[in-house]
Protein backbone atom coordinates (compact mmCIF):
# COMPACT_ATOMS: atom_id res chain seq x y z
CA MET A 1 33.64 30.02 -32.71
CA THR A 2 36.37 32.44 -33.72
CA GLY A 3 38.22 35.40 -32.33
CA ARG A 4 39.59 36.06 -28.88
CA ILE A 5 38.31 34.17 -25.87
CA ARG A 6 35.93 35.99 -23.56
CA ALA A 7 35.86 36.22 -19.79
CA LEU A 8 33.62 33.67 -18.11
CA GLY A 9 30.08 34.88 -17.55
CA GLY A 10 27.43 33.27 -15.37
CA THR A 11 27.07 29.49 -15.16
CA ASP A 12 23.56 29.23 -13.76
CA GLY A 13 22.60 26.88 -16.58
CA SER A 14 25.25 24.37 -15.57
CA ARG A 15 24.10 24.61 -11.97
CA ALA A 16 20.49 23.93 -13.02
CA TRP A 17 21.43 20.93 -15.15
CA PHE A 18 23.54 19.45 -12.33
CA ASP A 19 20.65 19.89 -9.88
CA ARG A 20 18.36 18.12 -12.35
CA ALA A 21 20.87 15.33 -13.06
CA GLN A 22 21.09 14.28 -9.42
CA ALA A 23 17.53 12.96 -9.55
CA SER A 24 18.35 10.38 -12.24
CA LEU A 25 22.15 9.93 -12.50
CA ALA A 26 24.07 8.42 -9.59
CA GLY A 27 25.74 11.45 -8.04
CA GLY A 28 24.54 13.51 -10.98
CA ILE A 29 27.39 12.22 -13.18
CA SER A 30 28.31 9.37 -15.53
CA SER A 31 31.96 9.08 -14.42
CA SER A 32 33.65 9.77 -11.11
CA SER A 33 36.13 12.04 -12.93
CA ARG A 34 33.30 14.43 -13.87
CA LEU A 35 32.65 15.49 -10.28
CA THR A 36 34.52 18.74 -10.88
CA SER A 37 33.89 22.39 -10.13
CA THR A 38 33.10 25.48 -12.18
CA GLY A 39 35.38 28.13 -10.78
CA PRO A 40 34.60 28.23 -7.05
CA HIS A 41 31.18 26.66 -7.62
CA PRO A 42 30.51 23.02 -6.62
CA TYR A 43 29.09 21.78 -9.91
CA PRO A 44 30.60 20.76 -13.27
CA LEU A 45 30.35 22.63 -16.54
CA TYR A 46 27.79 21.39 -19.07
CA ILE A 47 29.18 21.73 -22.58
CA ALA A 48 26.70 22.31 -25.39
CA SER A 49 28.94 22.47 -28.48
CA GLY A 50 32.49 22.53 -29.72
CA SER A 51 34.38 23.45 -32.87
CA GLY A 52 38.11 23.02 -33.38
CA THR A 53 39.97 24.16 -30.26
CA ARG A 54 36.94 25.79 -28.61
CA ILE A 55 33.94 24.65 -26.61
CA ARG A 56 30.81 26.47 -25.46
CA ASP A 57 28.79 25.74 -22.33
CA VAL A 58 25.01 25.84 -21.89
CA ASP A 59 25.26 29.45 -20.73
CA GLY A 60 27.06 30.52 -23.90
CA ASN A 61 30.52 30.92 -22.34
CA GLU A 62 33.34 30.06 -24.75
CA TYR A 63 36.62 28.40 -23.79
CA LEU A 64 39.86 27.33 -25.38
CA ASP A 65 39.93 23.64 -24.57
CA TYR A 66 43.07 21.94 -23.23
CA LEU A 67 41.16 19.01 -21.78
CA ILE A 68 39.86 17.97 -25.23
CA SER A 69 38.02 14.95 -23.85
CA TYR A 70 41.02 13.92 -21.73
CA GLY A 71 43.16 13.98 -24.84
CA SER A 72 40.76 12.00 -27.02
CA ALA A 73 39.58 14.77 -29.37
CA ILE A 74 43.11 15.34 -30.62
CA LEU A 75 42.04 16.68 -34.03
CA GLY A 76 39.69 19.12 -32.35
CA HIS A 77 35.94 19.19 -31.86
CA ALA A 78 33.74 18.44 -34.87
CA ALA A 79 36.82 18.03 -37.07
CA PRO A 80 35.58 18.30 -40.68
CA GLU A 81 37.47 15.22 -41.94
CA LEU A 82 35.99 13.11 -39.13
CA THR A 83 32.49 14.52 -39.57
CA GLU A 84 32.53 13.71 -43.28
CA ALA A 85 33.87 10.18 -42.84
CA LEU A 86 31.52 9.30 -39.96
CA THR A 87 28.47 10.68 -41.76
CA ALA A 88 29.20 8.27 -44.60
CA VAL A 89 29.43 5.33 -42.20
CA LEU A 90 26.17 6.29 -40.48
CA GLY A 91 24.48 6.11 -43.85
CA THR A 92 25.58 2.51 -44.43
CA GLY A 93 25.42 1.05 -40.91
CA SER A 94 27.40 1.87 -37.80
CA MET A 95 27.98 -1.73 -36.61
CA PHE A 96 27.09 -5.30 -37.49
CA GLY A 97 28.84 -7.43 -34.86
CA THR A 98 30.93 -8.97 -37.63
CA CYS A 99 34.34 -8.37 -39.17
CA ASN A 100 34.79 -5.20 -41.22
CA THR A 101 37.43 -3.84 -43.57
CA ALA A 102 38.14 -0.66 -41.60
CA GLU A 103 39.42 -2.66 -38.61
CA VAL A 104 41.91 -4.49 -40.86
CA GLU A 105 43.23 -1.25 -42.35
CA LEU A 106 43.45 0.25 -38.86
CA ALA A 107 45.39 -2.70 -37.45
CA GLU A 108 47.79 -2.55 -40.41
CA LEU A 109 48.40 1.15 -39.78
CA ILE A 110 49.04 0.59 -36.06
CA CYS A 111 51.56 -2.13 -36.90
CA GLU A 112 53.25 0.31 -39.28
CA MET A 113 53.38 3.14 -36.73
CA VAL A 114 54.09 1.43 -33.38
CA PRO A 115 57.48 -0.27 -32.77
CA CYS A 116 56.16 -3.12 -30.60
CA ALA A 117 53.03 -3.83 -32.65
CA GLU A 118 53.11 -7.07 -34.63
CA LEU A 119 49.55 -8.13 -33.78
CA VAL A 120 46.63 -5.99 -32.56
CA ARG A 121 43.34 -6.56 -30.74
CA PHE A 122 40.67 -3.89 -30.30
CA ALA A 123 38.48 -2.98 -27.33
CA ASN A 124 36.25 -0.05 -26.37
CA SER A 125 38.11 1.74 -23.57
CA GLY A 126 41.52 1.97 -21.98
CA SER A 127 40.30 -0.02 -18.98
CA GLU A 128 39.15 -2.87 -21.25
CA ALA A 129 42.36 -2.87 -23.26
CA VAL A 130 44.47 -3.02 -20.08
CA GLN A 131 42.47 -6.08 -19.00
CA GLY A 132 43.15 -7.64 -22.40
CA ALA A 133 46.87 -6.98 -22.18
CA VAL A 134 47.09 -8.39 -18.66
CA ARG A 135 45.21 -11.53 -19.70
CA ALA A 136 47.49 -11.93 -22.72
CA ALA A 137 50.57 -11.63 -20.47
CA ARG A 138 49.19 -14.10 -17.97
CA GLY A 139 48.18 -16.52 -20.71
CA TYR A 140 51.60 -16.34 -22.32
CA THR A 141 53.64 -16.74 -19.11
CA GLY A 142 51.33 -18.97 -17.07
CA ARG A 143 51.89 -16.66 -14.08
CA SER A 144 49.40 -14.50 -12.19
CA LYS A 145 51.08 -11.60 -10.44
CA ILE A 146 51.50 -8.13 -11.96
CA LEU A 147 53.98 -5.47 -10.84
CA LYS A 148 52.68 -1.92 -11.17
CA PHE A 149 54.01 1.42 -9.94
CA GLU A 150 52.56 3.46 -7.12
CA GLY A 151 50.28 6.20 -8.43
CA HIS A 152 50.15 4.95 -12.03
CA TYR A 153 46.60 4.66 -13.35
CA HIS A 154 45.51 1.76 -15.55
CA GLY A 155 41.73 2.14 -15.57
CA TRP A 156 38.91 1.68 -13.14
CA SER A 157 38.39 -2.10 -13.43
CA ASP A 158 39.40 -4.41 -10.59
CA THR A 159 42.43 -5.87 -12.38
CA LEU A 160 44.77 -2.95 -11.70
CA ALA A 161 42.75 -0.36 -9.77
CA ILE A 162 45.32 -0.73 -7.02
CA SER A 163 47.40 2.02 -5.37
CA ASN A 164 46.21 4.67 -7.82
CA ARG A 165 45.80 7.37 -5.17
CA PRO A 166 46.71 5.92 -1.75
CA GLY A 167 47.00 8.27 1.18
CA ILE A 168 50.38 8.36 2.87
CA SER A 169 48.98 6.70 6.00
CA GLU A 170 47.81 3.63 4.06
CA ALA A 171 50.53 3.44 1.40
CA GLY A 172 52.97 1.52 3.58
CA PRO A 173 56.79 1.55 3.50
CA TYR A 174 58.39 3.51 0.68
CA GLY A 175 60.40 0.63 -0.79
CA THR A 176 57.66 -2.01 -0.51
CA PRO A 177 54.34 -0.13 -0.77
CA HIS A 178 51.14 -1.81 0.31
CA PRO A 179 48.73 -2.69 -2.52
CA VAL A 180 45.76 -0.44 -1.71
CA PRO A 181 42.43 -0.97 -3.52
CA HIS A 182 41.24 2.19 -5.24
CA SER A 183 37.65 1.62 -4.14
CA PRO A 184 35.41 -0.56 -2.01
CA GLY A 185 34.15 -3.47 -4.08
CA ILE A 186 37.58 -4.74 -5.22
CA PRO A 187 38.13 -8.30 -3.92
CA ALA A 188 41.11 -9.14 -1.72
CA GLY A 189 42.19 -11.86 -4.16
CA VAL A 190 42.68 -9.25 -6.88
CA VAL A 191 44.72 -7.07 -4.55
CA ASP A 192 46.94 -10.01 -3.60
CA ASP A 193 47.95 -10.49 -7.25
CA VAL A 194 49.40 -6.96 -7.54
CA VAL A 195 52.91 -5.99 -6.43
CA VAL A 196 53.43 -2.23 -6.00
CA CYS A 197 56.76 -0.50 -6.58
CA PRO A 198 57.93 3.12 -6.29
CA TRP A 199 58.67 4.77 -9.66
CA ASN A 200 62.16 5.83 -10.77
CA ASP A 201 63.95 3.75 -8.12
CA PRO A 202 66.18 1.02 -9.63
CA ALA A 203 67.17 -0.48 -6.28
CA ALA A 204 63.56 -0.85 -5.10
CA LEU A 205 62.61 -2.35 -8.46
CA ARG A 206 65.33 -5.00 -8.35
CA THR A 207 64.49 -5.85 -4.73
CA LEU A 208 60.83 -6.46 -5.56
CA LEU A 209 61.64 -8.40 -8.73
CA ASP A 210 63.96 -10.65 -6.72
CA ALA A 211 61.35 -11.10 -3.98
CA HIS A 212 58.79 -12.28 -6.55
CA ARG A 213 61.10 -14.27 -8.81
CA GLY A 214 59.15 -16.65 -11.06
CA GLU A 215 55.76 -15.16 -10.02
CA LEU A 216 55.34 -12.09 -12.23
CA ALA A 217 53.53 -12.26 -15.54
CA ALA A 218 54.04 -8.59 -16.34
CA VAL A 219 55.43 -5.25 -15.30
CA ILE A 220 53.13 -2.41 -16.40
CA CYS A 221 53.75 1.33 -16.34
CA GLU A 222 52.76 4.64 -17.83
CA PRO A 223 56.04 5.52 -19.60
CA ILE A 224 55.19 9.20 -19.07
CA VAL A 225 53.02 9.22 -15.98
CA ALA A 226 50.09 11.30 -17.22
CA ASN A 227 48.11 10.50 -14.10
CA ASN A 228 50.94 11.67 -11.84
CA ALA A 229 51.02 15.17 -13.35
CA CYS A 230 53.20 14.02 -16.26
CA THR A 231 56.05 12.79 -14.08
CA MET A 232 58.84 11.77 -16.46
CA PRO A 233 60.99 8.64 -16.25
CA ASP A 234 64.53 9.28 -15.09
CA PRO A 235 67.12 8.89 -17.86
CA GLY A 236 67.78 5.19 -18.35
CA TYR A 237 64.91 3.98 -16.17
CA LEU A 238 62.72 2.61 -18.96
CA GLY A 239 65.80 0.91 -20.42
CA LEU A 240 66.37 -0.73 -17.05
CA LEU A 241 62.78 -2.00 -17.02
CA ARG A 242 63.34 -3.48 -20.46
CA GLU A 243 66.57 -5.20 -19.42
CA GLU A 244 65.16 -6.63 -16.19
CA CYS A 245 61.98 -7.93 -17.82
CA THR A 246 63.92 -9.55 -20.65
CA ALA A 247 66.36 -11.21 -18.24
CA ARG A 248 63.55 -12.56 -16.04
CA GLY A 249 61.05 -13.63 -18.72
CA ILE A 250 58.50 -11.00 -17.66
CA VAL A 251 56.22 -9.26 -20.17
CA LEU A 252 56.81 -5.49 -20.21
CA VAL A 253 53.60 -3.53 -20.82
CA PHE A 254 53.45 0.18 -21.60
CA ASP A 255 50.13 1.82 -20.84
CA GLU A 256 50.07 4.33 -23.70
CA VAL A 257 46.40 5.24 -23.29
CA CYS A 258 47.44 8.90 -22.91
CA THR A 259 50.78 8.98 -24.74
CA GLY A 260 49.88 6.81 -27.71
CA PHE A 261 50.02 8.65 -31.08
CA ARG A 262 49.88 11.99 -29.22
CA THR A 263 53.59 12.18 -28.42
CA GLY A 264 54.43 11.18 -32.00
CA PRO A 265 53.29 8.55 -34.51
CA GLY A 266 55.00 5.77 -32.53
CA GLY A 267 53.94 6.98 -29.09
CA ALA A 268 56.17 7.20 -26.02
CA GLN A 269 58.02 4.00 -26.90
CA ALA A 270 59.32 5.63 -30.08
CA LEU A 271 59.93 8.98 -28.40
CA LEU A 272 61.89 7.43 -25.52
CA ASP A 273 63.41 4.61 -27.61
CA VAL A 274 62.36 1.67 -25.43
CA VAL A 275 60.20 -1.07 -26.97
CA PRO A 276 57.83 -3.01 -24.66
CA ASP A 277 56.35 -6.44 -25.33
CA LEU A 278 52.77 -5.12 -25.20
CA ALA A 279 51.25 -1.64 -25.30
CA VAL A 280 47.76 -0.31 -24.66
CA PHE A 281 46.15 2.55 -26.59
CA SER A 282 42.96 4.59 -26.45
CA LYS A 283 42.29 8.38 -26.09
CA ALA A 284 43.89 9.92 -29.21
CA LEU A 285 43.44 6.66 -31.12
CA GLY A 286 39.72 7.23 -31.66
CA GLY A 287 39.71 10.96 -32.29
CA GLY A 288 36.83 11.26 -29.83
CA LEU A 289 34.97 7.98 -30.42
CA PRO A 290 35.22 4.99 -28.06
CA ILE A 291 37.89 2.61 -29.27
CA ALA A 292 41.00 1.12 -27.68
CA ALA A 293 43.65 -1.41 -28.60
CA PHE A 294 46.33 -3.59 -27.13
CA ALA A 295 49.15 -4.55 -29.44
CA GLY A 296 52.38 -6.42 -29.08
CA GLN A 297 55.01 -8.79 -30.24
CA ARG A 298 53.76 -11.83 -32.07
CA HIS A 299 55.03 -14.47 -29.65
CA VAL A 300 53.20 -12.83 -26.72
CA MET A 301 49.98 -12.32 -28.70
CA GLU A 302 50.06 -15.78 -30.32
CA PRO A 303 48.04 -17.61 -27.58
CA LEU A 304 45.33 -14.98 -28.11
CA ALA A 305 45.58 -15.37 -31.88
CA ARG A 306 45.10 -19.15 -31.56
CA GLY A 307 42.08 -18.68 -29.33
CA ASP A 308 43.70 -20.32 -26.32
CA VAL A 309 43.45 -17.01 -24.45
CA LYS A 310 39.93 -15.60 -24.72
CA HIS A 311 39.00 -12.02 -25.49
CA GLY A 312 35.78 -10.60 -26.88
CA GLY A 313 33.48 -7.62 -27.18
CA THR A 314 30.38 -6.94 -29.26
CA TYR A 315 31.38 -3.36 -30.03
CA ASN A 316 35.10 -3.95 -30.63
CA ALA A 317 36.27 -1.93 -33.68
CA SER A 318 32.81 -1.24 -35.04
CA PRO A 319 32.88 0.34 -38.53
CA LEU A 320 32.03 3.71 -37.00
CA CYS A 321 34.78 3.72 -34.38
CA ALA A 322 37.37 2.01 -36.60
CA THR A 323 36.76 4.61 -39.31
CA SER A 324 37.19 7.44 -36.79
CA ALA A 325 40.48 5.91 -35.63
CA LEU A 326 41.68 5.33 -39.18
CA VAL A 327 41.05 8.95 -40.19
CA THR A 328 42.71 10.18 -36.97
CA LEU A 329 45.84 8.03 -37.26
CA ARG A 330 46.33 8.88 -40.92
CA ARG A 331 46.43 12.52 -39.88
CA LEU A 332 48.71 11.92 -36.88
CA ASN A 333 51.05 9.85 -39.03
CA GLN A 334 51.98 13.05 -40.88
CA PRO A 335 55.15 14.24 -39.10
CA GLY A 336 54.17 17.90 -39.25
CA VAL A 337 51.00 17.33 -37.24
CA THR A 338 52.53 15.96 -34.05
CA LYS A 339 55.46 18.36 -34.47
CA HIS A 340 52.99 21.27 -34.37
CA ILE A 341 51.31 19.81 -31.27
CA GLU A 342 54.68 19.43 -29.53
CA GLU A 343 55.96 22.89 -30.42
CA SER A 344 52.69 24.55 -29.40
CA GLY A 345 52.74 22.79 -26.05
CA ARG A 346 56.35 23.78 -25.45
CA ARG A 347 55.35 27.41 -25.95
CA LEU A 348 52.61 27.06 -23.32
CA MET A 349 54.96 25.30 -20.91
CA GLU A 350 57.48 28.12 -21.23
CA ALA A 351 54.77 30.74 -20.69
CA ILE A 352 53.76 29.07 -17.41
CA ARG A 353 57.40 28.78 -16.29
CA ARG A 354 58.04 32.43 -17.08
CA ALA A 355 54.91 33.64 -15.32
CA ALA A 356 55.71 31.54 -12.25
CA HIS A 357 59.30 32.84 -12.18
CA ASP A 358 58.24 36.47 -12.59
CA ARG A 359 55.71 36.19 -9.74
CA ARG A 360 58.10 34.12 -7.59
CA VAL A 361 55.66 31.23 -7.36
CA PRO A 362 57.42 27.84 -6.94
CA CYS A 363 56.20 25.77 -9.88
CA ALA A 364 57.51 22.91 -12.02
CA VAL A 365 56.15 22.52 -15.54
CA GLN A 366 56.77 18.90 -16.48
CA GLY A 367 55.99 16.46 -19.26
CA VAL A 368 56.37 17.01 -23.00
CA GLY A 369 54.76 19.59 -25.25
CA ALA A 370 51.89 17.34 -26.26
CA MET A 371 50.89 16.72 -22.62
CA PHE A 372 52.18 18.52 -19.54
CA GLN A 373 51.20 19.83 -16.12
CA ALA A 374 52.04 22.74 -13.85
CA VAL A 375 52.94 21.35 -10.43
CA PHE A 376 53.23 23.65 -7.42
CA THR A 377 56.05 21.91 -5.57
CA LEU A 378 57.52 23.58 -2.49
CA ASP A 379 60.89 24.23 -4.16
CA GLY A 380 59.83 24.37 -7.81
CA ALA A 381 61.54 21.05 -8.61
CA PRO A 382 59.84 18.44 -10.82
CA THR A 383 58.31 15.36 -9.20
CA ARG A 384 60.00 11.97 -9.59
CA GLN A 385 57.39 9.66 -8.06
CA TYR A 386 53.89 9.55 -6.64
CA ARG A 387 54.72 10.45 -3.03
CA ASP A 388 56.32 13.70 -4.20
CA LEU A 389 52.87 14.77 -5.41
CA LEU A 390 51.38 14.33 -1.95
CA ARG A 391 53.57 17.23 -0.81
CA THR A 392 52.55 19.65 -3.57
CA ASP A 393 50.24 22.63 -3.15
CA GLN A 394 47.17 21.27 -4.91
CA ALA A 395 45.00 24.11 -3.59
CA ARG A 396 47.18 26.54 -5.52
CA TYR A 397 46.73 24.45 -8.68
CA HIS A 398 42.96 24.60 -8.27
CA ALA A 399 43.15 28.37 -7.81
CA PHE A 400 45.28 28.61 -10.97
CA ARG A 401 42.84 26.49 -12.93
CA HIS A 402 39.88 28.56 -11.72
CA GLU A 403 41.61 31.80 -12.71
CA LEU A 404 42.20 30.37 -16.18
CA LEU A 405 38.58 29.27 -16.43
CA LYS A 406 37.41 32.79 -15.65
CA ARG A 407 39.54 33.95 -18.57
CA GLY A 408 38.17 31.37 -20.99
CA VAL A 409 40.83 28.66 -20.78
CA HIS A 410 39.53 25.17 -19.97
CA ALA A 411 42.25 22.97 -18.42
CA ASN A 412 42.13 19.70 -16.53
CA ALA A 413 40.38 20.02 -13.16
CA PHE A 414 42.74 17.55 -11.48
CA ALA A 415 46.16 18.62 -10.23
CA MET A 416 47.53 15.09 -10.72
CA ALA A 417 46.41 14.97 -14.36
CA CYS A 418 47.61 17.07 -17.32
CA TRP A 419 46.93 19.50 -20.14
CA PHE A 420 46.42 18.09 -23.65
CA VAL A 421 47.19 20.18 -26.73
CA PRO A 422 44.92 19.80 -29.80
CA ALA A 423 46.31 19.50 -33.31
CA GLY A 424 44.47 22.57 -34.59
CA VAL A 425 45.73 25.06 -32.02
CA THR A 426 46.63 28.37 -33.72
CA ASP A 427 49.01 31.19 -32.95
CA ASP A 428 46.02 33.31 -31.90
CA ASP A 429 44.92 30.54 -29.53
CA LEU A 430 48.40 30.36 -28.04
CA ASP A 431 48.65 34.14 -27.68
CA ALA A 432 45.33 34.22 -25.85
CA THR A 433 46.30 31.32 -23.59
CA CYS A 434 49.67 32.84 -22.70
CA GLU A 435 47.93 36.12 -21.84
CA ALA A 436 45.47 34.25 -19.62
CA VAL A 437 48.35 32.45 -17.90
CA GLU A 438 50.06 35.77 -17.12
CA GLU A 439 46.84 37.19 -15.67
CA ALA A 440 46.14 34.03 -13.67
CA PHE A 441 49.56 34.14 -11.99
CA SER A 442 49.05 37.81 -11.22
CA ALA A 443 45.83 36.84 -9.47
CA LEU A 444 47.58 34.06 -7.55
């Protein structure tokens, strides 16, 4: 797939596959996040193939891909180095349910790259790894409650699927938000163990920490809030979290499922110079295969290492997935690779800002080059916390995304999520994307 991107043609094939899927898949999908739209049409795209930065749907339409499997396929689709390495593993056995050498090499590399990582455990998804980190924190402290921030996303499992997307009518008072289950089926006992705090508010944080003195096992956050349209931490806020957790004997957990290895070899903790006690990784870690990890300081991980705190998983760090992660991290550990990702993303961010300014469309472009979002705030100011996002013009974002899709640019369908930049993006890709952005704002 080379050359300039083409305008979107018909998508009748995707419509037909979605109609067929509803007879056998619950809702026609395998994940709630896949209930998206194709332009104005109420069905998702069905992707048939991908190569590098581009994907092709079942109707033959080609797109530059800035979703890249929600950031997972960071080296691009069908990356030759991954294809070669994984083909070799498939020829010798993809998993055995035993220890393997690739997982040891991978853990060693993570410990080399990540500031907080002294010991590592593997899992299969971000949701699983978050559960592992929470159990490790609870096992280490002997406490049960977890403080999380309103709007931050830590997976779909019961443990922390609380106040991910509460409506304003159910969210409760600003300073002491209600813990709101993300879905029916989450027990009240789980909800009672979660304390919810507004993001970027030191006074509210200290008030809640004081109110739950001696009860909190952990404070967990997305250091860059990918699932709140890449809302950034205020200067000094992560440092405050570190100081408060240290002073109170609380485990600080960074959910780096989205930021890990993408924002630089050491993730957001290295980029923002704040070291947590535990961190969770997935997405870019596997290069497109299902693997996750939680890693942290030895004293916090030691009860797990001794076997006092239990953690398992048949598929954890299988030779296939561990090899994919090892190849991916070796590439991302080369400084020029993540530098190219960052600089390419910055160029796209500036193109969106310029187009919005020229068309007088209020729009904040926030995040970092490796992952960012265009947010249609009323005054064009960046968001600082979840409730700011409830006042944004999400309909305008969807219109923007649909205009891009028509021009062959595939971006995240969700206004509260973000764009992800692949490592192999070229100047031609960026030129084509910037042109599509200009045309999309003209259409808006």
